[in-house]
Amino acid sequence: MSLPEWDQLKKLVTDAEEDVAKAVGGNKAAGTRARKKMQDIKSAAQEVRKKILEGRVDGEGDAASPADAAE
């Protein structure tokens, strides 16, 4: 079974690599693009976390604590 959200996260990280390297080199425009892509990565990572939690609760019958659901 594949997790499409995970595949999307990996793609976003790969896509950000060039802009991050340019930003480290001093390119201000690349820095702006890299920061935007990092925000997208953060959102995609949150989606992966949600899907994993859903799978844990639905698939294994292992109930999550309320603290886990709030994350």
C-alpha atoms as a PDB file:
ATOM      1  CA  MET A   1       0.000   0.000   0.000  1.00  0.00           C
ATOM      2  CA  SER A   2       1.275   3.449  -0.899  1.00  0.00           C
ATOM      3  CA  LEU A   3       0.598   6.718   0.856  1.00  0.00           C
ATOM      4  CA  PRO A   4       0.116   9.428  -1.811  1.00  0.00           C
ATOM      5  CA  GLU A   5       0.654  12.162   0.773  1.00  0.00           C
ATOM      6  CA  TRP A   6       4.118  10.743   1.497  1.00  0.00           C
ATOM      7  CA  ASP A   7       4.978  10.699  -2.198  1.00  0.00           C
ATOM      8  CA  GLN A   8       3.865  14.337  -2.483  1.00  0.00           C
ATOM      9  CA  LEU A   9       6.026  15.305   0.507  1.00  0.00           C
ATOM     10  CA  LYS A  10       9.099  13.669  -1.031  1.00  0.00           C
ATOM     11  CA  LYS A  11       8.450  15.477  -4.321  1.00  0.00           C
ATOM     12  CA  LEU A  12       8.157  18.834  -2.568  1.00  0.00           C
ATOM     13  CA  VAL A  13      11.467  18.301  -0.766  1.00  0.00           C
ATOM     14  CA  THR A  14      13.173  17.334  -4.017  1.00  0.00           C
ATOM     15  CA  ASP A  15      11.702  20.367  -5.788  1.00  0.00           C
ATOM     16  CA  ALA A  16      12.939  22.705  -3.039  1.00  0.00           C
ATOM     17  CA  GLU A  17      16.528  21.463  -3.160  1.00  0.00           C
ATOM     18  CA  GLU A  18      17.754  23.732  -5.959  1.00  0.00           C
ATOM     19  CA  ASP A  19      16.210  26.891  -4.509  1.00  0.00           C
ATOM     20  CA  VAL A  20      17.624  26.136  -1.060  1.00  0.00           C
ATOM     21  CA  ALA A  21      21.106  25.727  -2.523  1.00  0.00           C
ATOM     22  CA  LYS A  22      20.773  29.014  -4.411  1.00  0.00           C
ATOM     23  CA  ALA A  23      19.450  30.770  -1.302  1.00  0.00           C
ATOM     24  CA  VAL A  24      22.451  29.610   0.701  1.00  0.00           C
ATOM     25  CA  GLY A  25      24.587  31.097  -2.047  1.00  0.00           C
ATOM     26  CA  GLY A  26      22.980  34.504  -1.486  1.00  0.00           C
ATOM     27  CA  ASN A  27      20.246  34.571  -4.131  1.00  0.00           C
ATOM     28  CA  LYS A  28      17.407  36.540  -2.499  1.00  0.00           C
ATOM     29  CA  ALA A  29      14.734  35.494  -5.003  1.00  0.00           C
ATOM     30  CA  ALA A  30      15.632  31.837  -4.455  1.00  0.00           C
ATOM     31  CA  GLY A  31      15.366  32.457  -0.711  1.00  0.00           C
ATOM     32  CA  THR A  32      11.814  33.680  -1.146  1.00  0.00           C
ATOM     33  CA  ARG A  33      10.930  30.643  -3.259  1.00  0.00           C
ATOM     34  CA  ALA A  34      12.622  28.304  -0.776  1.00  0.00           C
ATOM     35  CA  ARG A  35      10.694  29.757   2.161  1.00  0.00           C
ATOM     36  CA  LYS A  36       7.415  29.330   0.255  1.00  0.00           C
ATOM     37  CA  LYS A  37       8.301  25.741  -0.602  1.00  0.00           C
ATOM     38  CA  MET A  38       9.232  25.057   3.024  1.00  0.00           C
ATOM     39  CA  GLN A  39       5.767  26.218   4.072  1.00  0.00           C
ATOM     40  CA  ASP A  40       4.261  23.817   1.522  1.00  0.00           C
ATOM     41  CA  ILE A  41       6.470  21.051   2.927  1.00  0.00           C
ATOM     42  CA  LYS A  42       5.249  21.830   6.440  1.00  0.00           C
ATOM     43  CA  SER A  43       1.617  21.521   5.301  1.00  0.00           C
ATOM     44  CA  ALA A  44       2.315  18.292   3.413  1.00  0.00           C
ATOM     45  CA  ALA A  45       4.073  16.824   6.457  1.00  0.00           C
ATOM     46  CA  GLN A  46       1.013  17.598   8.558  1.00  0.00           C
ATOM     47  CA  GLU A  47      -1.162  15.738   6.042  1.00  0.00           C
ATOM     48  CA  VAL A  48       1.140  12.710   6.276  1.00  0.00           C
ATOM     49  CA  ARG A  49       0.851  12.814  10.070  1.00  0.00           C
ATOM     50  CA  LYS A  50      -2.954  12.904   9.837  1.00  0.00           C
ATOM     51  CA  LYS A  51      -3.074   9.962   7.425  1.00  0.00           C
ATOM     52  CA  ILE A  52      -0.766   7.914   9.625  1.00  0.00           C
ATOM     53  CA  LEU A  53      -2.925   8.635  12.647  1.00  0.00           C
ATOM     54  CA  GLU A  54      -6.094   7.749  10.707  1.00  0.00           C
ATOM     55  CA  GLY A  55      -4.519   4.465   9.654  1.00  0.00           C
ATOM     56  CA  ARG A  56      -3.458   3.736  13.198  1.00  0.00           C
ATOM     57  CA  VAL A  57      -6.928   4.372  14.594  1.00  0.00           C
ATOM     58  CA  ASP A  58      -8.908   2.785  11.743  1.00  0.00           C
ATOM     59  CA  GLY A  59      -6.595   0.006  10.641  1.00  0.00           C
ATOM     60  CA  GLU A  60      -5.066  -1.486  13.738  1.00  0.00           C
ATOM     61  CA  GLY A  61      -7.768  -0.800  16.288  1.00  0.00           C
ATOM     62  CA  ASP A  62      -5.102   0.904  18.375  1.00  0.00           C
ATOM     63  CA  ALA A  63      -6.971   3.879  19.784  1.00  0.00           C
ATOM     64  CA  ALA A  64      -5.051   7.120  19.891  1.00  0.00           C
ATOM     65  CA  SER A  65      -5.042   9.285  22.947  1.00  0.00           C
ATOM     66  CA  PRO A  66      -6.764  12.669  22.739  1.00  0.00           C
ATOM     67  CA  ALA A  67      -3.331  14.303  22.915  1.00  0.00           C
ATOM     68  CA  ASP A  68      -2.277  12.490  19.721  1.00  0.00           C
ATOM     69  CA  ALA A  69      -5.376  13.690  17.900  1.00  0.00           C
ATOM     70  CA  ALA A  70      -4.633  17.309  18.830  1.00  0.00           C
ATOM     71  CA  GLU A  71      -1.207  17.244  17.179  1.00  0.00           C
END
